[in-house]
Amino acid sequence: MIEFFNSLWKLVLEMAPYLLLGFFIAGLLYAFIPQRMFAKHLKQPGFKSVLYSTLLGVPLPLCSCGVLPTTVSLRRSGASRGACTSFLISTPQTGVDSILATYSLLGLPFAIIRPIAALITGLFGGLVTDAAFKGEAEANSVEIKEKIKEDMTFTEKLKVAFKYAFGELLEDVGKWLVIGLLVSALITVAVPNDFFAALKDYPFINMLIVLAIAVPMYTCATGSIPIAVALMMKGMTPGAAFVLLMAGPAINTASMLVINKTFGKKQTVLYIASIIAGALTFGLVMDYIMPGDWFSVSNLIATDSCCEEGHSEWFSIACSIIFLVALARAIFHGHHGECHCHDSECHCHGEHCECGDHCHNETVLKVKGMCCSHCANNVKEALMQNEEIENVEISVESGRVEIEFKDDKNLPEERLKSIIESLGYEVVSE
């Protein structure tokens, strides 16, 4: 048990400074660069739109479920199928936070190859999709309003950046990062050091085993890093570990189902095939062509120092404490329904409100398919574009969406359903 916690603490010390910096940069991207401003450049099928969407997706720290509503919004704005596929492929594989975290544990070669792989697989998948749907009439664009941040001051944008980075984003990936760290520490202490030694001469078999595990499961781009490190320390080849880093964040059962429903079976197959082909190609190149000492993790075993990357031990400890406090706050924060009535007859019980006459002008829907705060915020933003709506409260855990209308205003339930379902979610009966 002591060895387990020592291994866990060492991983946290290594990653915390880079994670804090990565999340902060992600917040700056969110606050200062409106994502939908790119939609106008993604309309025409072809190399340019695919390239733009891939370059947009690589630095964005969106998970494989969080990227779905964003992609649907791009599609509704008129983005081509190829641009949407390239965005779906490149975005979950990496992000500024995961690139820095990759450098902290796996070194510079891994950190460089990872975004390059996301870029190339995104381009490949997008171009193949455009070719497969050549001649198909593109969808008409739908005007989507967005909360423009240009009228905000620099200080206000900075506050938005911090709130997003260490609130919404950390809440999304925090649980999966904790799982990744725990699994990594468990592998380190429980799996024999020569576990993968028998298969080290068969890298392709290593990769197929990893694919069989990684494709159906979910792990975020950052949470997959400590797992890959632990497996490499047990003898797994760098190429097989890289397959985990690519396929694990980019594909999971939930995202495949939503993509199939939104874009169809043909585009879903192209999306999955592009990721698998890219992962295997880069994995084989790393194992058979690139120097093996580029990807050595022996320093993680041989050294007792937690300061190999140049930052002092006290700084690592301080960053670790700050990160763990922020992580705990994000994980336990959650999305909970609130009552906005200010009447003496209002009594709230958990997510449900039992109120007097002042609460009658609201609609409650049950939405299936939301799995993170990105999903909830996309639904809320789409609904709040309607001037009749005063406020929206969403619980991701229960799928409950409470829509409060302004005085003497309302929207039919069918209209509300169509707005939500256009994002790829399903409204079900309570």
Protein backbone atom coordinates (compact mmCIF):
# COMPACT_ATOMS: atom_id res chain seq x y z
CA MET A 1 0.00 0.00 0.00
CA ILE A 2 2.87 2.38 0.82
CA GLU A 3 4.43 1.64 -2.56
CA PHE A 4 1.10 2.40 -4.25
CA PHE A 5 0.78 5.83 -2.63
CA ASN A 6 4.44 6.64 -3.26
CA SER A 7 3.98 5.87 -6.95
CA LEU A 8 0.77 7.92 -7.07
CA TRP A 9 2.37 10.91 -5.35
CA LYS A 10 5.35 10.81 -7.70
CA LEU A 11 3.06 10.95 -10.73
CA VAL A 12 1.19 13.92 -9.26
CA LEU A 13 4.45 15.76 -8.54
CA GLU A 14 5.62 15.24 -12.11
CA MET A 15 2.38 16.30 -13.78
CA ALA A 16 0.94 19.08 -11.58
CA PRO A 17 3.03 22.07 -12.81
CA TYR A 18 2.36 21.20 -16.45
CA LEU A 19 -1.31 20.49 -15.84
CA LEU A 20 -1.84 23.86 -14.16
CA LEU A 21 -0.14 25.64 -17.07
CA GLY A 22 -2.01 23.57 -19.64
CA PHE A 23 -5.43 24.20 -18.10
CA PHE A 24 -4.69 27.92 -17.88
CA ILE A 25 -3.71 28.09 -21.58
CA ALA A 26 -6.87 26.16 -22.42
CA GLY A 27 -8.89 28.76 -20.52
CA LEU A 28 -7.22 31.59 -22.44
CA LEU A 29 -8.10 29.89 -25.75
CA TYR A 30 -11.71 29.58 -24.64
CA ALA A 31 -12.07 33.16 -23.39
CA PHE A 32 -10.18 35.05 -26.08
CA ILE A 33 -10.93 33.01 -29.24
CA PRO A 34 -14.64 32.37 -29.98
CA GLN A 35 -14.80 28.88 -31.49
CA ARG A 36 -17.66 29.52 -33.89
CA MET A 37 -15.83 32.29 -35.70
CA PHE A 38 -14.11 29.45 -37.57
CA ALA A 39 -17.34 27.98 -38.94
CA LYS A 40 -17.37 30.30 -41.96
CA HIS A 41 -14.03 28.84 -43.09
CA LEU A 42 -15.26 25.24 -42.94
CA LYS A 43 -18.18 25.27 -45.38
CA GLN A 44 -16.62 24.17 -48.66
CA PRO A 45 -15.47 20.53 -48.89
CA GLY A 46 -11.79 20.22 -49.64
CA PHE A 47 -8.32 20.44 -48.20
CA LYS A 48 -8.57 24.00 -46.87
CA SER A 49 -11.65 23.45 -44.68
CA VAL A 50 -10.29 20.12 -43.43
CA LEU A 51 -6.96 21.75 -42.56
CA TYR A 52 -8.64 24.64 -40.74
CA SER A 53 -10.84 22.34 -38.67
CA THR A 54 -7.88 20.10 -37.78
CA LEU A 55 -5.73 23.06 -36.74
CA LEU A 56 -8.65 24.31 -34.66
CA GLY A 57 -9.13 20.93 -33.02
CA VAL A 58 -5.55 20.02 -32.07
CA PRO A 59 -5.06 22.63 -29.28
CA LEU A 60 -8.63 22.54 -27.95
CA PRO A 61 -8.91 20.56 -24.70
CA LEU A 62 -12.24 18.86 -25.47
CA CYS A 63 -12.89 15.22 -24.58
CA SER A 64 -14.53 12.76 -26.97
CA CYS A 65 -17.98 13.49 -25.53
CA GLY A 66 -17.45 17.25 -25.16
CA VAL A 67 -16.42 17.57 -28.81
CA LEU A 68 -19.71 16.10 -30.07
CA PRO A 69 -22.08 19.05 -29.46
CA THR A 70 -19.42 21.47 -30.72
CA THR A 71 -19.13 19.45 -33.92
CA VAL A 72 -22.90 19.32 -34.33
CA SER A 73 -22.99 23.11 -33.95
CA LEU A 74 -20.32 23.45 -36.63
CA ARG A 75 -22.35 21.19 -38.91
CA ARG A 76 -25.49 23.25 -38.32
CA SER A 77 -23.46 26.35 -39.17
CA GLY A 78 -22.72 24.80 -42.57
CA ALA A 79 -19.37 23.07 -41.98
CA SER A 80 -18.69 20.26 -44.46
CA ARG A 81 -18.73 16.58 -43.50
CA GLY A 82 -14.99 16.35 -43.99
CA ALA A 83 -14.35 19.33 -41.72
CA CYS A 84 -16.58 17.81 -39.05
CA THR A 85 -14.82 14.44 -39.24
CA SER A 86 -11.36 16.00 -39.00
CA PHE A 87 -12.50 18.03 -35.99
CA LEU A 88 -13.94 14.91 -34.34
CA ILE A 89 -10.68 13.03 -34.87
CA SER A 90 -8.08 15.65 -33.98
CA THR A 91 -9.71 17.35 -31.00
CA PRO A 92 -10.02 14.56 -28.37
CA GLN A 93 -6.56 13.10 -29.07
CA THR A 94 -4.70 16.06 -27.66
CA GLY A 95 -4.92 19.58 -26.27
CA VAL A 96 -2.58 22.13 -24.76
CA ASP A 97 -3.02 20.57 -21.32
CA SER A 98 -2.31 17.01 -22.47
CA ILE A 99 0.68 18.08 -24.61
CA LEU A 100 2.36 19.64 -21.58
CA ALA A 101 1.42 16.66 -19.39
CA THR A 102 2.83 14.30 -22.04
CA TYR A 103 6.12 16.20 -21.97
CA SER A 104 6.24 16.02 -18.17
CA LEU A 105 6.01 12.20 -18.05
CA LEU A 106 6.93 10.84 -21.48
CA GLY A 107 9.43 13.42 -22.72
CA LEU A 108 9.80 15.72 -25.71
CA PRO A 109 9.59 13.15 -28.57
CA PHE A 110 6.20 11.89 -27.38
CA ALA A 111 4.99 15.47 -26.85
CA ILE A 112 5.97 16.41 -30.42
CA ILE A 113 4.67 13.28 -32.13
CA ARG A 114 1.30 13.37 -30.40
CA PRO A 115 -0.06 16.63 -31.96
CA ILE A 116 1.54 15.71 -35.30
CA ALA A 117 -0.34 12.40 -35.25
CA ALA A 118 -3.59 14.19 -34.39
CA LEU A 119 -3.00 16.63 -37.26
CA ILE A 120 -2.23 13.96 -39.86
CA THR A 121 -5.05 11.56 -38.85
CA GLY A 122 -7.47 14.49 -38.78
CA LEU A 123 -6.45 15.52 -42.29
CA PHE A 124 -6.64 11.95 -43.56
CA GLY A 125 -10.06 11.28 -42.05
CA GLY A 126 -11.49 14.56 -43.28
CA LEU A 127 -10.25 14.16 -46.85
CA VAL A 128 -11.44 10.54 -47.03
CA THR A 129 -14.86 11.63 -45.77
CA ASP A 130 -15.11 14.42 -48.34
CA ALA A 131 -14.19 11.95 -51.08
CA ALA A 132 -16.72 9.39 -49.83
CA PHE A 133 -19.55 11.95 -49.83
CA LYS A 134 -18.52 13.76 -53.01
CA GLY A 135 -21.57 14.98 -54.88
CA GLU A 136 -23.82 14.96 -51.84
CA ALA A 137 -25.68 18.22 -51.25
CA GLU A 138 -24.25 19.98 -48.22
CA ALA A 139 -26.52 20.88 -45.33
CA ASN A 140 -27.99 24.35 -45.28
CA SER A 141 -26.42 26.45 -42.57
CA VAL A 142 -28.50 27.46 -39.59
CA GLU A 143 -27.85 30.79 -37.99
CA ILE A 144 -26.46 30.21 -34.53
CA LYS A 145 -26.07 33.15 -32.22
CA GLU A 146 -23.17 33.17 -29.83
CA LYS A 147 -22.35 35.11 -26.74
CA ILE A 148 -19.77 37.44 -28.21
CA LYS A 149 -16.95 38.23 -25.81
CA GLU A 150 -15.58 41.23 -27.68
CA ASP A 151 -17.46 43.66 -25.44
CA MET A 152 -15.81 42.24 -22.33
CA THR A 153 -12.78 43.86 -20.75
CA PHE A 154 -9.45 42.06 -20.51
CA THR A 155 -9.99 41.45 -16.79
CA GLU A 156 -13.45 40.00 -17.43
CA LYS A 157 -12.07 37.67 -20.09
CA LEU A 158 -9.32 36.59 -17.72
CA LYS A 159 -11.94 35.72 -15.11
CA VAL A 160 -13.82 33.70 -17.73
CA ALA A 161 -10.57 31.90 -18.59
CA PHE A 162 -9.94 30.91 -14.97
CA LYS A 163 -13.56 29.90 -14.41
CA TYR A 164 -13.58 27.70 -17.50
CA ALA A 165 -10.12 26.17 -17.00
CA PHE A 166 -10.38 25.30 -13.33
CA GLY A 167 -14.14 24.89 -13.26
CA GLU A 168 -15.90 23.43 -16.28
CA LEU A 169 -12.87 21.90 -18.01
CA LEU A 170 -11.29 20.45 -14.86
CA GLU A 171 -14.70 19.13 -13.83
CA ASP A 172 -14.95 17.28 -17.15
CA VAL A 173 -11.52 15.65 -17.19
CA GLY A 174 -10.87 15.51 -13.44
CA LYS A 175 -12.63 12.22 -12.78
CA TRP A 176 -10.88 10.54 -15.70
CA LEU A 177 -7.52 11.99 -14.69
CA VAL A 178 -7.92 10.58 -11.19
CA ILE A 179 -8.86 7.20 -12.65
CA GLY A 180 -5.82 7.32 -14.93
CA LEU A 181 -3.49 8.11 -12.04
CA LEU A 182 -4.96 5.38 -9.83
CA VAL A 183 -4.77 2.79 -12.63
CA SER A 184 -1.19 3.83 -13.36
CA ALA A 185 -0.11 3.48 -9.72
CA LEU A 186 -1.94 0.14 -9.47
CA ILE A 187 -0.20 -1.17 -12.60
CA THR A 188 3.15 -0.02 -11.22
CA VAL A 189 2.84 -2.02 -7.99
CA ALA A 190 0.69 -4.97 -9.14
CA VAL A 191 1.95 -5.91 -12.60
CA PRO A 192 5.28 -7.80 -12.77
CA ASN A 193 8.11 -5.88 -14.41
CA ASP A 194 8.51 -8.51 -17.14
CA PHE A 195 4.76 -8.77 -17.87
CA PHE A 196 5.05 -7.57 -21.50
CA ALA A 197 8.56 -8.89 -22.03
CA ALA A 198 7.31 -12.02 -23.83
CA LEU A 199 5.54 -9.86 -26.41
CA LYS A 200 8.21 -7.20 -26.80
CA ASP A 201 9.42 -8.80 -30.03
CA TYR A 202 5.88 -8.61 -31.45
CA PRO A 203 4.94 -4.90 -31.37
CA PHE A 204 1.96 -5.33 -33.69
CA ILE A 205 0.36 -7.87 -31.31
CA ASN A 206 0.91 -5.37 -28.48
CA MET A 207 -0.94 -2.75 -30.51
CA LEU A 208 -3.88 -5.02 -31.36
CA ILE A 209 -4.30 -5.88 -27.68
CA VAL A 210 -4.27 -2.19 -26.76
CA LEU A 211 -6.80 -1.38 -29.51
CA ALA A 212 -9.16 -4.09 -28.28
CA ILE A 213 -9.11 -2.48 -24.85
CA ALA A 214 -8.92 1.20 -25.80
CA VAL A 215 -11.62 1.46 -28.48
CA PRO A 216 -14.69 0.65 -26.34
CA MET A 217 -13.48 2.25 -23.10
CA TYR A 218 -13.21 5.96 -22.29
CA THR A 219 -10.13 7.82 -21.13
CA CYS A 220 -9.34 11.48 -21.68
CA ALA A 221 -6.21 12.70 -23.44
CA THR A 222 -4.58 13.66 -20.14
CA GLY A 223 -5.81 10.71 -18.07
CA SER A 224 -4.38 8.22 -20.56
CA ILE A 225 -0.80 9.48 -20.04
CA PRO A 226 -0.02 7.90 -16.65
CA ILE A 227 -1.55 4.62 -17.82
CA ALA A 228 0.73 4.61 -20.87
CA VAL A 229 3.75 5.34 -18.66
CA ALA A 230 2.92 2.50 -16.28
CA LEU A 231 2.47 0.03 -19.15
CA MET A 232 5.79 1.06 -20.74
CA MET A 233 7.51 0.54 -17.39
CA LYS A 234 6.18 -3.03 -17.49
CA GLY A 235 7.69 -3.69 -20.91
CA MET A 236 5.05 -2.46 -23.38
CA THR A 237 6.53 -1.01 -26.57
CA PRO A 238 6.38 2.78 -27.10
CA GLY A 239 4.32 2.25 -30.27
CA ALA A 240 1.67 0.24 -28.41
CA ALA A 241 1.55 2.88 -25.67
CA PHE A 242 1.09 5.54 -28.34
CA VAL A 243 -1.85 3.57 -29.75
CA LEU A 244 -3.44 3.90 -26.31
CA LEU A 245 -2.79 7.66 -26.29
CA MET A 246 -4.47 8.03 -29.70
CA ALA A 247 -7.34 5.56 -29.68
CA GLY A 248 -8.31 5.77 -26.01
CA PRO A 249 -9.29 9.48 -25.98
CA ALA A 250 -10.63 9.59 -29.56
CA ILE A 251 -13.02 6.61 -29.56
CA ASN A 252 -15.45 5.23 -27.02
CA THR A 253 -18.79 3.48 -27.17
CA ALA A 254 -20.86 6.53 -26.22
CA SER A 255 -19.28 8.82 -28.81
CA MET A 256 -19.64 6.21 -31.56
CA LEU A 257 -23.37 5.89 -30.87
CA VAL A 258 -23.92 9.66 -30.97
CA ILE A 259 -21.85 10.11 -34.14
CA ASN A 260 -23.76 7.29 -35.81
CA LYS A 261 -27.07 8.93 -34.90
CA THR A 262 -25.99 12.41 -35.98
CA PHE A 263 -23.88 11.77 -39.08
CA GLY A 264 -24.85 8.27 -40.16
CA LYS A 265 -23.21 4.85 -40.28
CA LYS A 266 -20.97 5.57 -43.27
CA GLN A 267 -19.28 8.61 -41.69
CA THR A 268 -18.98 6.78 -38.34
CA VAL A 269 -17.11 3.90 -39.99
CA LEU A 270 -14.76 6.34 -41.74
CA TYR A 271 -14.16 8.15 -38.45
CA ILE A 272 -13.26 4.94 -36.56
CA ALA A 273 -11.18 3.51 -39.42
CA SER A 274 -9.14 6.73 -39.74
CA ILE A 275 -8.23 6.74 -36.06
CA ILE A 276 -7.30 3.05 -36.00
CA ALA A 277 -5.24 3.34 -39.20
CA GLY A 278 -3.43 6.42 -37.89
CA ALA A 279 -2.76 4.88 -34.48
CA LEU A 280 -1.31 1.68 -35.95
CA THR A 281 0.78 3.57 -38.52
CA PHE A 282 2.38 5.89 -35.99
CA GLY A 283 2.82 3.03 -33.52
CA LEU A 284 4.69 0.93 -36.09
CA VAL A 285 6.86 3.88 -37.14
CA MET A 286 7.82 4.51 -33.51
CA ASP A 287 8.67 0.85 -32.85
CA TYR A 288 10.45 -0.02 -36.10
CA ILE A 289 11.95 3.22 -37.44
CA MET A 290 12.55 5.72 -34.64
CA PRO A 291 15.39 5.25 -32.10
CA GLY A 292 14.20 3.37 -29.03
CA ASP A 293 16.13 5.57 -26.61
CA TRP A 294 13.92 8.52 -27.60
CA PHE A 295 11.07 6.90 -25.70
CA SER A 296 12.83 5.49 -22.64
CA VAL A 297 10.97 5.77 -19.33
CA SER A 298 13.81 4.21 -17.32
CA ASN A 299 14.42 7.56 -15.64
CA LEU A 300 11.06 7.19 -13.93
CA ILE A 301 12.24 3.93 -12.39
CA ALA A 302 15.88 4.73 -11.69
CA THR A 303 15.63 8.12 -10.06
CA ASP A 304 14.20 9.15 -6.73
CA SER A 305 14.07 12.76 -7.71
CA CYS A 306 10.78 14.38 -8.62
CA CYS A 307 12.53 17.36 -10.15
CA GLU A 308 14.03 15.95 -13.36
CA GLU A 309 12.26 18.52 -15.52
CA GLY A 310 14.10 21.48 -14.05
CA HIS A 311 11.61 22.81 -11.51
CA SER A 312 12.51 22.64 -7.79
CA GLU A 313 10.91 20.18 -5.39
CA TRP A 314 9.12 22.84 -3.36
CA PHE A 315 7.60 24.28 -6.51
CA SER A 316 6.35 20.82 -7.55
CA ILE A 317 4.85 20.27 -4.11
CA ALA A 318 3.14 23.69 -4.15
CA CYS A 319 1.74 23.06 -7.64
CA SER A 320 0.57 19.60 -6.57
CA ILE A 321 -1.31 20.98 -3.56
CA ILE A 322 -2.92 23.73 -5.63
CA PHE A 323 -3.90 21.26 -8.34
CA LEU A 324 -5.31 18.70 -5.90
CA VAL A 325 -7.42 21.36 -4.17
CA ALA A 326 -8.75 22.59 -7.54
CA LEU A 327 -9.34 19.00 -8.65
CA ALA A 328 -11.29 18.12 -5.51
CA ARG A 329 -13.42 21.25 -5.85
CA ALA A 330 -14.15 20.51 -9.52
CA ILE A 331 -15.04 16.85 -8.97
CA PHE A 332 -17.41 17.53 -6.09
CA HIS A 333 -18.90 20.68 -7.60
CA GLY A 334 -21.23 19.04 -10.16
CA HIS A 335 -24.30 20.50 -11.91
CA HIS A 336 -27.37 20.67 -9.74
CA GLY A 337 -30.75 22.13 -10.40
CA GLU A 338 -31.58 25.26 -8.44
CA CYS A 339 -34.78 26.98 -7.53
CA HIS A 340 -34.99 30.61 -8.59
CA CYS A 341 -38.30 31.40 -6.92
CA HIS A 342 -38.32 33.98 -4.18
CA ASP A 343 -41.69 33.18 -2.70
CA SER A 344 -42.42 32.13 0.85
CA GLU A 345 -44.29 29.08 -0.48
CA CYS A 346 -41.26 27.75 -2.34
CA HIS A 347 -39.58 24.69 -0.89
CA CYS A 348 -36.73 22.98 -2.67
CA HIS A 349 -35.88 19.34 -2.32
CA GLY A 350 -32.67 18.37 -4.13
CA GLU A 351 -33.21 18.93 -7.83
CA HIS A 352 -36.98 19.33 -7.58
CA CYS A 353 -38.91 22.46 -6.63
CA GLU A 354 -42.29 22.59 -5.01
CA CYS A 355 -43.32 26.17 -5.43
CA GLY A 356 -46.30 28.45 -5.43
CA ASP A 357 -47.83 30.26 -8.38
CA HIS A 358 -44.66 32.17 -9.14
CA CYS A 359 -43.00 29.04 -10.57
CA HIS A 360 -45.67 27.93 -12.99
CA ASN A 361 -43.98 29.43 -16.07
CA GLU A 362 -41.35 26.74 -16.59
CA THR A 363 -40.87 23.46 -18.43
CA VAL A 364 -38.90 20.45 -17.25
CA LEU A 365 -37.43 17.99 -19.75
CA LYS A 366 -35.48 14.76 -19.37
CA VAL A 367 -32.50 14.66 -21.75
CA LYS A 368 -30.50 11.53 -22.52
CA GLY A 369 -26.91 11.62 -23.77
CA MET A 370 -25.38 14.43 -21.72
CA CYS A 371 -22.24 13.15 -20.03
CA CYS A 372 -20.18 16.22 -19.09
CA SER A 373 -20.42 19.94 -18.43
CA HIS A 374 -19.55 20.68 -22.08
CA CYS A 375 -22.75 18.89 -23.03
CA ALA A 376 -24.78 20.78 -20.43
CA ASN A 377 -23.35 24.15 -21.47
CA ASN A 378 -24.06 23.50 -25.15
CA VAL A 379 -27.68 22.63 -24.37
CA LYS A 380 -28.01 25.68 -22.12
CA GLU A 381 -26.45 27.99 -24.70
CA ALA A 382 -28.72 26.72 -27.48
CA LEU A 383 -31.83 27.24 -25.33
CA MET A 384 -30.76 30.65 -24.02
CA GLN A 385 -30.57 31.99 -27.58
CA ASN A 386 -34.35 32.27 -27.41
CA GLU A 387 -35.45 35.58 -25.95
CA GLU A 388 -38.47 33.96 -24.30
CA ILE A 389 -36.23 31.98 -21.92
CA GLU A 390 -35.10 33.55 -18.66
CA ASN A 391 -32.86 30.82 -17.31
CA VAL A 392 -31.88 27.16 -17.79
CA GLU A 393 -30.65 24.81 -15.06
CA ILE A 394 -29.24 21.40 -15.94
CA SER A 395 -28.22 18.34 -13.94
CA VAL A 396 -25.88 16.15 -15.99
CA GLU A 397 -26.24 13.28 -13.53
CA SER A 398 -30.03 13.01 -13.83
CA GLY A 399 -30.45 14.53 -17.30
CA ARG A 400 -33.01 16.98 -15.90
CA VAL A 401 -33.31 20.29 -17.78
CA GLU A 402 -35.37 23.02 -16.10
CA ILE A 403 -36.33 25.86 -18.44
CA GLU A 404 -37.67 29.05 -16.85
CA PHE A 405 -39.48 31.55 -19.10
CA LYS A 406 -39.80 35.29 -18.85
CA ASP A 407 -43.10 36.85 -17.74
CA ASP A 408 -45.97 36.17 -20.16
CA LYS A 409 -43.66 34.26 -22.51
CA ASN A 410 -43.35 30.59 -23.35
CA LEU A 411 -42.18 28.13 -26.01
CA PRO A 412 -43.99 24.94 -27.04
CA GLU A 413 -42.42 21.77 -25.70
CA GLU A 414 -41.97 20.45 -29.24
CA ARG A 415 -39.88 23.50 -30.10
CA LEU A 416 -37.69 22.95 -27.05
CA LYS A 417 -37.26 19.28 -27.97
CA SER A 418 -36.21 20.14 -31.52
CA ILE A 419 -33.56 22.57 -30.24
CA ILE A 420 -32.05 19.96 -27.92
CA GLU A 421 -32.29 17.06 -30.36
CA SER A 422 -30.62 19.12 -33.10
CA LEU A 423 -27.49 18.99 -30.92
CA GLY A 424 -27.47 15.20 -30.98
CA TYR A 425 -29.20 14.49 -27.65
CA GLU A 426 -32.48 12.72 -27.02
CA VAL A 427 -35.46 14.06 -25.06
CA VAL A 428 -37.22 11.24 -23.24
CA SER A 429 -40.31 10.94 -21.05
CA GLU A 430 -39.71 11.33 -17.33
